[in-house]
Amino acid sequence: MPKTSAQRQAAYRSRRDHGEGERRLNTWISTSAYFALERLARRHRLTRRALIERLVLAADQDLIDTLDRDTPEWDHYFGVTP
């Protein structure tokens, strides 16, 4: 018996690497944010995924650059319990 679309999608997701490689993100955003994402991705000739990854990683690095290692702020940001 053929699989339904939902069954095929579930099988595909279960085969994906859930280790250090990739994680699934499924969320709703406002319409204005969606169209802004579309415009930015088109402008920079990136996929939405690539653009989101670049923006998040850049914001993360900017914040990390303001923190000093061996401080409570560093530990808090990285979720480390001293």
PDB file of N, CA and C in Angstrom:
ATOM      1  N   MET A   1       0.837  -1.181   0.000  1.00  0.00           N
ATOM      2  CA  MET A   1       0.000   0.000   0.000  1.00  0.00           C
ATOM      3  C   MET A   1       0.884   1.247   0.000  1.00  0.00           C
ATOM      4  N   PRO A   2       0.625   2.203  -0.872  1.00  0.00           N
ATOM      5  CA  PRO A   2       1.453   3.413  -0.939  1.00  0.00           C
ATOM      6  C   PRO A   2       1.355   4.246   0.337  1.00  0.00           C
ATOM      7  N   LYS A   3       2.443   4.935   0.627  1.00  0.00           N
ATOM      8  CA  LYS A   3       2.472   5.807   1.803  1.00  0.00           C
ATOM      9  C   LYS A   3       1.753   7.116   1.505  1.00  0.00           C
ATOM     10  N   THR A   4       1.189   7.687   2.553  1.00  0.00           N
ATOM     11  CA  THR A   4       0.578   9.003   2.415  1.00  0.00           C
ATOM     12  C   THR A   4       1.678  10.055   2.415  1.00  0.00           C
ATOM     13  N   SER A   5       1.330  11.259   2.041  1.00  0.00           N
ATOM     14  CA  SER A   5       2.308  12.360   2.067  1.00  0.00           C
ATOM     15  C   SER A   5       2.861  12.550   3.469  1.00  0.00           C
ATOM     16  N   ALA A   6       2.012  12.476   4.454  1.00  0.00           N
ATOM     17  CA  ALA A   6       2.453  12.648   5.842  1.00  0.00           C
ATOM     18  C   ALA A   6       3.430  11.546   6.247  1.00  0.00           C
ATOM     19  N   GLN A   7       3.180  10.317   5.816  1.00  0.00           N
ATOM     20  CA  GLN A   7       4.084   9.214   6.142  1.00  0.00           C
ATOM     21  C   GLN A   7       5.434   9.380   5.447  1.00  0.00           C
ATOM     22  N   ARG A   8       5.417   9.804   4.186  1.00  0.00           N
ATOM     23  CA  ARG A   8       6.682  10.049   3.474  1.00  0.00           C
ATOM     24  C   ARG A   8       7.475  11.167   4.146  1.00  0.00           C
ATOM     25  N   GLN A   9       6.782  12.243   4.542  1.00  0.00           N
ATOM     26  CA  GLN A   9       7.453  13.365   5.210  1.00  0.00           C
ATOM     27  C   GLN A   9       8.035  12.921   6.550  1.00  0.00           C
ATOM     28  N   ALA A  10       7.294  12.136   7.315  1.00  0.00           N
ATOM     29  CA  ALA A  10       7.779  11.648   8.605  1.00  0.00           C
ATOM     30  C   ALA A  10       9.010  10.762   8.423  1.00  0.00           C
ATOM     31  N   ALA A  11       9.011   9.924   7.411  1.00  0.00           N
ATOM     32  CA  ALA A  11      10.164   9.063   7.146  1.00  0.00           C
ATOM     33  C   ALA A  11      11.376   9.900   6.751  1.00  0.00           C
ATOM     34  N   TYR A  12      11.158  10.911   5.921  1.00  0.00           N
ATOM     35  CA  TYR A  12      12.250  11.796   5.509  1.00  0.00           C
ATOM     36  C   TYR A  12      12.858  12.493   6.722  1.00  0.00           C
ATOM     37  N   ARG A  13      12.016  13.025   7.587  1.00  0.00           N
ATOM     38  CA  ARG A  13      12.518  13.732   8.772  1.00  0.00           C
ATOM     39  C   ARG A  13      13.281  12.801   9.697  1.00  0.00           C
ATOM     40  N   SER A  14      12.821  11.581   9.827  1.00  0.00           N
ATOM     41  CA  SER A  14      13.503  10.644  10.730  1.00  0.00           C
ATOM     42  C   SER A  14      14.875  10.236  10.194  1.00  0.00           C
ATOM     43  N   ARG A  15      15.066  10.315   8.872  1.00  0.00           N
ATOM     44  CA  ARG A  15      16.368   9.975   8.278  1.00  0.00           C
ATOM     45  C   ARG A  15      17.380  11.100   8.401  1.00  0.00           C
ATOM     46  N   ARG A  16      16.902  12.317   8.636  1.00  0.00           N
ATOM     47  CA  ARG A  16      17.811  13.462   8.709  1.00  0.00           C
ATOM     48  C   ARG A  16      18.739  13.341   9.900  1.00  0.00           C
ATOM     49  N   ASP A  17      19.942  13.886   9.774  1.00  0.00           N
ATOM     50  CA  ASP A  17      20.928  13.883  10.854  1.00  0.00           C
ATOM     51  C   ASP A  17      20.482  14.848  11.943  1.00  0.00           C
ATOM     52  N   HIS A  18      20.322  14.328  13.140  1.00  0.00           N
ATOM     53  CA  HIS A  18      19.961  15.197  14.268  1.00  0.00           C
ATOM     54  C   HIS A  18      21.161  15.410  15.188  1.00  0.00           C
ATOM     55  N   GLY A  19      22.344  15.091  14.732  1.00  0.00           N
ATOM     56  CA  GLY A  19      23.544  15.277  15.528  1.00  0.00           C
ATOM     57  C   GLY A  19      23.999  16.719  15.471  1.00  0.00           C
ATOM     58  N   GLU A  20      25.250  16.913  15.166  1.00  0.00           N
ATOM     59  CA  GLU A  20      25.825  18.253  15.122  1.00  0.00           C
ATOM     60  C   GLU A  20      25.617  18.935  13.769  1.00  0.00           C
ATOM     61  N   GLY A  21      25.057  18.226  12.801  1.00  0.00           N
ATOM     62  CA  GLY A  21      24.940  18.771  11.460  1.00  0.00           C
ATOM     63  C   GLY A  21      23.856  19.803  11.284  1.00  0.00           C
ATOM     64  N   GLU A  22      22.618  19.408  11.446  1.00  0.00           N
ATOM     65  CA  GLU A  22      21.498  20.303  11.179  1.00  0.00           C
ATOM     66  C   GLU A  22      20.383  20.054  12.177  1.00  0.00           C
ATOM     67  N   ARG A  23      19.579  21.060  12.389  1.00  0.00           N
ATOM     68  CA  ARG A  23      18.387  20.963  13.225  1.00  0.00           C
ATOM     69  C   ARG A  23      17.221  21.542  12.461  1.00  0.00           C
ATOM     70  N   ARG A  24      16.063  21.015  12.725  1.00  0.00           N
ATOM     71  CA  ARG A  24      14.854  21.474  12.045  1.00  0.00           C
ATOM     72  C   ARG A  24      14.275  22.664  12.792  1.00  0.00           C
ATOM     73  N   LEU A  25      13.833  23.667  12.051  1.00  0.00           N
ATOM     74  CA  LEU A  25      13.202  24.849  12.605  1.00  0.00           C
ATOM     75  C   LEU A  25      11.878  25.043  11.888  1.00  0.00           C
ATOM     76  N   ASN A  26      10.807  25.066  12.651  1.00  0.00           N
ATOM     77  CA  ASN A  26       9.484  25.245  12.072  1.00  0.00           C
ATOM     78  C   ASN A  26       8.769  26.291  12.921  1.00  0.00           C
ATOM     79  N   THR A  27       8.502  27.443  12.332  1.00  0.00           N
ATOM     80  CA  THR A  27       7.901  28.527  13.104  1.00  0.00           C
ATOM     81  C   THR A  27       7.077  29.432  12.202  1.00  0.00           C
ATOM     82  N   TRP A  28       6.252  30.219  12.817  1.00  0.00           N
ATOM     83  CA  TRP A  28       5.484  31.237  12.110  1.00  0.00           C
ATOM     84  C   TRP A  28       6.105  32.590  12.387  1.00  0.00           C
ATOM     85  N   ILE A  29       6.150  33.452  11.368  1.00  0.00           N
ATOM     86  CA  ILE A  29       6.634  34.816  11.545  1.00  0.00           C
ATOM     87  C   ILE A  29       5.599  35.759  10.944  1.00  0.00           C
ATOM     88  N   SER A  30       5.722  37.025  11.288  1.00  0.00           N
ATOM     89  CA  SER A  30       4.774  38.004  10.767  1.00  0.00           C
ATOM     90  C   SER A  30       4.927  38.134   9.250  1.00  0.00           C
ATOM     91  N   THR A  31       3.883  38.581   8.611  1.00  0.00           N
ATOM     92  CA  THR A  31       3.910  38.776   7.161  1.00  0.00           C
ATOM     93  C   THR A  31       4.975  39.791   6.770  1.00  0.00           C
ATOM     94  N   SER A  32       5.102  40.859   7.541  1.00  0.00           N
ATOM     95  CA  SER A  32       6.111  41.862   7.202  1.00  0.00           C
ATOM     96  C   SER A  32       7.518  41.291   7.322  1.00  0.00           C
ATOM     97  N   ALA A  33       7.767  40.464   8.326  1.00  0.00           N
ATOM     98  CA  ALA A  33       9.084  39.840   8.469  1.00  0.00           C
ATOM     99  C   ALA A  33       9.334  38.855   7.329  1.00  0.00           C
ATOM    100  N   TYR A  34       8.294  38.134   6.925  1.00  0.00           N
ATOM    101  CA  TYR A  34       8.427  37.185   5.826  1.00  0.00           C
ATOM    102  C   TYR A  34       8.830  37.896   4.532  1.00  0.00           C
ATOM    103  N   PHE A  35       8.132  38.990   4.214  1.00  0.00           N
ATOM    104  CA  PHE A  35       8.458  39.698   2.974  1.00  0.00           C
ATOM    105  C   PHE A  35       9.822  40.379   3.057  1.00  0.00           C
ATOM    106  N   ALA A  36      10.205  40.829   4.246  1.00  0.00           N
ATOM    107  CA  ALA A  36      11.545  41.393   4.419  1.00  0.00           C
ATOM    108  C   ALA A  36      12.598  40.313   4.184  1.00  0.00           C
ATOM    109  N   LEU A  37      12.354  39.119   4.696  1.00  0.00           N
ATOM    110  CA  LEU A  37      13.267  37.993   4.480  1.00  0.00           C
ATOM    111  C   LEU A  37      13.373  37.674   2.998  1.00  0.00           C
ATOM    112  N   GLU A  38      12.255  37.650   2.314  1.00  0.00           N
ATOM    113  CA  GLU A  38      12.253  37.394   0.874  1.00  0.00           C
ATOM    114  C   GLU A  38      13.076  38.441   0.126  1.00  0.00           C
ATOM    115  N   ARG A  39      12.853  39.714   0.468  1.00  0.00           N
ATOM    116  CA  ARG A  39      13.593  40.791  -0.221  1.00  0.00           C
ATOM    117  C   ARG A  39      15.088  40.699   0.041  1.00  0.00           C
ATOM    118  N   LEU A  40      15.453  40.485   1.296  1.00  0.00           N
ATOM    119  CA  LEU A  40      16.874  40.394   1.638  1.00  0.00           C
ATOM    120  C   LEU A  40      17.537  39.201   0.955  1.00  0.00           C
ATOM    121  N   ALA A  41      16.860  38.075   0.967  1.00  0.00           N
ATOM    122  CA  ALA A  41      17.417  36.877   0.329  1.00  0.00           C
ATOM    123  C   ALA A  41      17.610  37.105  -1.170  1.00  0.00           C
ATOM    124  N   ARG A  42      16.626  37.695  -1.806  1.00  0.00           N
ATOM    125  CA  ARG A  42      16.726  37.972  -3.244  1.00  0.00           C
ATOM    126  C   ARG A  42      17.853  38.969  -3.517  1.00  0.00           C
ATOM    127  N   ARG A  43      17.938  40.005  -2.696  1.00  0.00           N
ATOM    128  CA  ARG A  43      18.962  41.047  -2.859  1.00  0.00           C
ATOM    129  C   ARG A  43      20.369  40.467  -2.760  1.00  0.00           C
ATOM    130  N   HIS A  44      20.561  39.545  -1.814  1.00  0.00           N
ATOM    131  CA  HIS A  44      21.882  38.966  -1.579  1.00  0.00           C
ATOM    132  C   HIS A  44      22.088  37.649  -2.325  1.00  0.00           C
ATOM    133  N   ARG A  45      21.081  37.284  -3.133  1.00  0.00           N
ATOM    134  CA  ARG A  45      21.143  36.049  -3.915  1.00  0.00           C
ATOM    135  C   ARG A  45      21.431  34.830  -3.034  1.00  0.00           C
ATOM    136  N   LEU A  46      20.664  34.751  -1.939  1.00  0.00           N
ATOM    137  CA  LEU A  46      20.779  33.651  -0.997  1.00  0.00           C
ATOM    138  C   LEU A  46      19.416  32.994  -0.842  1.00  0.00           C
ATOM    139  N   THR A  47      19.441  31.766  -0.363  1.00  0.00           N
ATOM    140  CA  THR A  47      18.175  31.153   0.033  1.00  0.00           C
ATOM    141  C   THR A  47      17.752  31.767   1.363  1.00  0.00           C
ATOM    142  N   ARG A  48      16.489  31.606   1.701  1.00  0.00           N
ATOM    143  CA  ARG A  48      16.032  32.098   3.010  1.00  0.00           C
ATOM    144  C   ARG A  48      16.817  31.420   4.120  1.00  0.00           C
ATOM    145  N   ARG A  49      17.049  30.140   3.960  1.00  0.00           N
ATOM    146  CA  ARG A  49      17.816  29.412   4.967  1.00  0.00           C
ATOM    147  C   ARG A  49      19.211  30.006   5.145  1.00  0.00           C
ATOM    148  N   ALA A  50      19.915  30.217   4.042  1.00  0.00           N
ATOM    149  CA  ALA A  50      21.276  30.757   4.114  1.00  0.00           C
ATOM    150  C   ALA A  50      21.278  32.141   4.749  1.00  0.00           C
ATOM    151  N   LEU A  51      20.302  32.961   4.404  1.00  0.00           N
ATOM    152  CA  LEU A  51      20.226  34.303   4.971  1.00  0.00           C
ATOM    153  C   LEU A  51      19.973  34.246   6.467  1.00  0.00           C
ATOM    154  N   ILE A  52      19.018  33.423   6.897  1.00  0.00           N
ATOM    155  CA  ILE A  52      18.740  33.293   8.332  1.00  0.00           C
ATOM    156  C   ILE A  52      19.980  32.816   9.068  1.00  0.00           C
ATOM    157  N   GLU A  53      20.662  31.819   8.529  1.00  0.00           N
ATOM    158  CA  GLU A  53      21.876  31.306   9.170  1.00  0.00           C
ATOM    159  C   GLU A  53      22.930  32.401   9.296  1.00  0.00           C
ATOM    160  N   ARG A  54      23.143  33.165   8.232  1.00  0.00           N
ATOM    161  CA  ARG A  54      24.149  34.239   8.282  1.00  0.00           C
ATOM    162  C   ARG A  54      23.783  35.304   9.304  1.00  0.00           C
ATOM    163  N   LEU A  55      22.511  35.709   9.321  1.00  0.00           N
ATOM    164  CA  LEU A  55      22.081  36.747  10.259  1.00  0.00           C
ATOM    165  C   LEU A  55      22.231  36.290  11.710  1.00  0.00           C
ATOM    166  N   VAL A  56      21.806  35.062  11.986  1.00  0.00           N
ATOM    167  CA  VAL A  56      21.888  34.547  13.352  1.00  0.00           C
ATOM    168  C   VAL A  56      23.335  34.387  13.786  1.00  0.00           C
ATOM    169  N   LEU A  57      24.159  33.823  12.936  1.00  0.00           N
ATOM    170  CA  LEU A  57      25.566  33.625  13.298  1.00  0.00           C
ATOM    171  C   LEU A  57      26.299  34.955  13.474  1.00  0.00           C
ATOM    172  N   ALA A  58      25.984  35.935  12.645  1.00  0.00           N
ATOM    173  CA  ALA A  58      26.616  37.252  12.785  1.00  0.00           C
ATOM    174  C   ALA A  58      26.196  37.920  14.092  1.00  0.00           C
ATOM    175  N   ALA A  59      24.906  37.857  14.435  1.00  0.00           N
ATOM    176  CA  ALA A  59      24.432  38.447  15.688  1.00  0.00           C
ATOM    177  C   ALA A  59      25.057  37.742  16.884  1.00  0.00           C
ATOM    178  N   ASP A  60      25.155  36.425  16.807  1.00  0.00           N
ATOM    179  CA  ASP A  60      25.779  35.642  17.882  1.00  0.00           C
ATOM    180  C   ASP A  60      27.241  36.045  18.060  1.00  0.00           C
ATOM    181  N   GLN A  61      27.975  36.141  16.949  1.00  0.00           N
ATOM    182  CA  GLN A  61      29.396  36.504  17.039  1.00  0.00           C
ATOM    183  C   GLN A  61      29.569  37.924  17.571  1.00  0.00           C
ATOM    184  N   ASP A  62      28.712  38.838  17.148  1.00  0.00           N
ATOM    185  CA  ASP A  62      28.782  40.205  17.661  1.00  0.00           C
ATOM    186  C   ASP A  62      28.634  40.222  19.170  1.00  0.00           C
ATOM    187  N   LEU A  63      27.708  39.439  19.701  1.00  0.00           N
ATOM    188  CA  LEU A  63      27.511  39.393  21.151  1.00  0.00           C
ATOM    189  C   LEU A  63      28.687  38.716  21.840  1.00  0.00           C
ATOM    190  N   ILE A  64      29.167  37.611  21.290  1.00  0.00           N
ATOM    191  CA  ILE A  64      30.310  36.902  21.868  1.00  0.00           C
ATOM    192  C   ILE A  64      31.519  37.825  21.953  1.00  0.00           C
ATOM    193  N   ASP A  65      31.698  38.662  20.944  1.00  0.00           N
ATOM    194  CA  ASP A  65      32.839  39.582  20.925  1.00  0.00           C
ATOM    195  C   ASP A  65      32.792  40.591  22.065  1.00  0.00           C
ATOM    196  N   THR A  66      31.629  40.802  22.664  1.00  0.00           N
ATOM    197  CA  THR A  66      31.517  41.749  23.784  1.00  0.00           C
ATOM    198  C   THR A  66      31.738  41.083  25.134  1.00  0.00           C
ATOM    199  N   LEU A  67      31.804  39.756  25.165  1.00  0.00           N
ATOM    200  CA  LEU A  67      31.925  39.026  26.428  1.00  0.00           C
ATOM    201  C   LEU A  67      33.371  38.659  26.711  1.00  0.00           C
ATOM    202  N   ASP A  68      33.713  38.663  27.975  1.00  0.00           N
ATOM    203  CA  ASP A  68      35.027  38.185  28.399  1.00  0.00           C
ATOM    204  C   ASP A  68      34.897  36.746  28.879  1.00  0.00           C
ATOM    205  N   ARG A  69      35.852  35.919  28.455  1.00  0.00           N
ATOM    206  CA  ARG A  69      35.853  34.529  28.923  1.00  0.00           C
ATOM    207  C   ARG A  69      36.050  34.511  30.433  1.00  0.00           C
ATOM    208  N   ASP A  70      35.705  33.411  31.029  1.00  0.00           N
ATOM    209  CA  ASP A  70      35.859  33.228  32.477  1.00  0.00           C
ATOM    210  C   ASP A  70      35.086  34.264  33.276  1.00  0.00           C
ATOM    211  N   THR A  71      33.935  34.670  32.761  1.00  0.00           N
ATOM    212  CA  THR A  71      33.055  35.574  33.501  1.00  0.00           C
ATOM    213  C   THR A  71      31.682  34.917  33.623  1.00  0.00           C
ATOM    214  N   PRO A  72      30.898  35.344  34.596  1.00  0.00           N
ATOM    215  CA  PRO A  72      29.546  34.804  34.726  1.00  0.00           C
ATOM    216  C   PRO A  72      28.688  35.079  33.486  1.00  0.00           C
ATOM    217  N   GLU A  73      28.926  36.220  32.832  1.00  0.00           N
ATOM    218  CA  GLU A  73      28.154  36.543  31.629  1.00  0.00           C
ATOM    219  C   GLU A  73      28.425  35.532  30.511  1.00  0.00           C
ATOM    220  N   TRP A  74      29.700  35.170  30.355  1.00  0.00           N
ATOM    221  CA  TRP A  74      30.072  34.170  29.351  1.00  0.00           C
ATOM    222  C   TRP A  74      29.380  32.846  29.670  1.00  0.00           C
ATOM    223  N   ASP A  75      29.501  32.414  30.910  1.00  0.00           N
ATOM    224  CA  ASP A  75      28.889  31.151  31.337  1.00  0.00           C
ATOM    225  C   ASP A  75      27.377  31.188  31.144  1.00  0.00           C
ATOM    226  N   HIS A  76      26.764  32.292  31.490  1.00  0.00           N
ATOM    227  CA  HIS A  76      25.318  32.421  31.349  1.00  0.00           C
ATOM    228  C   HIS A  76      24.905  32.340  29.875  1.00  0.00           C
ATOM    229  N   TYR A  77      25.633  33.029  29.026  1.00  0.00           N
ATOM    230  CA  TYR A  77      25.292  33.022  27.605  1.00  0.00           C
ATOM    231  C   TYR A  77      25.382  31.622  27.015  1.00  0.00           C
ATOM    232  N   PHE A  78      26.409  30.886  27.408  1.00  0.00           N
ATOM    233  CA  PHE A  78      26.613  29.555  26.865  1.00  0.00           C
ATOM    234  C   PHE A  78      25.913  28.463  27.684  1.00  0.00           C
ATOM    235  N   GLY A  79      25.173  28.870  28.702  1.00  0.00           N
ATOM    236  CA  GLY A  79      24.410  27.913  29.500  1.00  0.00           C
ATOM    237  C   GLY A  79      25.288  26.985  30.322  1.00  0.00           C
ATOM    238  N   VAL A  80      26.451  27.502  30.731  1.00  0.00           N
ATOM    239  CA  VAL A  80      27.403  26.702  31.519  1.00  0.00           C
ATOM    240  C   VAL A  80      27.156  26.990  32.992  1.00  0.00           C
ATOM    241  N   THR A  81      27.066  25.931  33.756  1.00  0.00           N
ATOM    242  CA  THR A  81      26.930  26.090  35.198  1.00  0.00           C
ATOM    243  C   THR A  81      28.316  25.886  35.821  1.00  0.00           C
ATOM    244  N   PRO A  82      28.875  26.948  36.383  1.00  0.00           N
ATOM    245  CA  PRO A  82      30.228  26.828  36.946  1.00  0.00           C
ATOM    246  C   PRO A  82      30.278  25.931  38.169  1.00  0.00           C
TER     247      PRO A  82
END
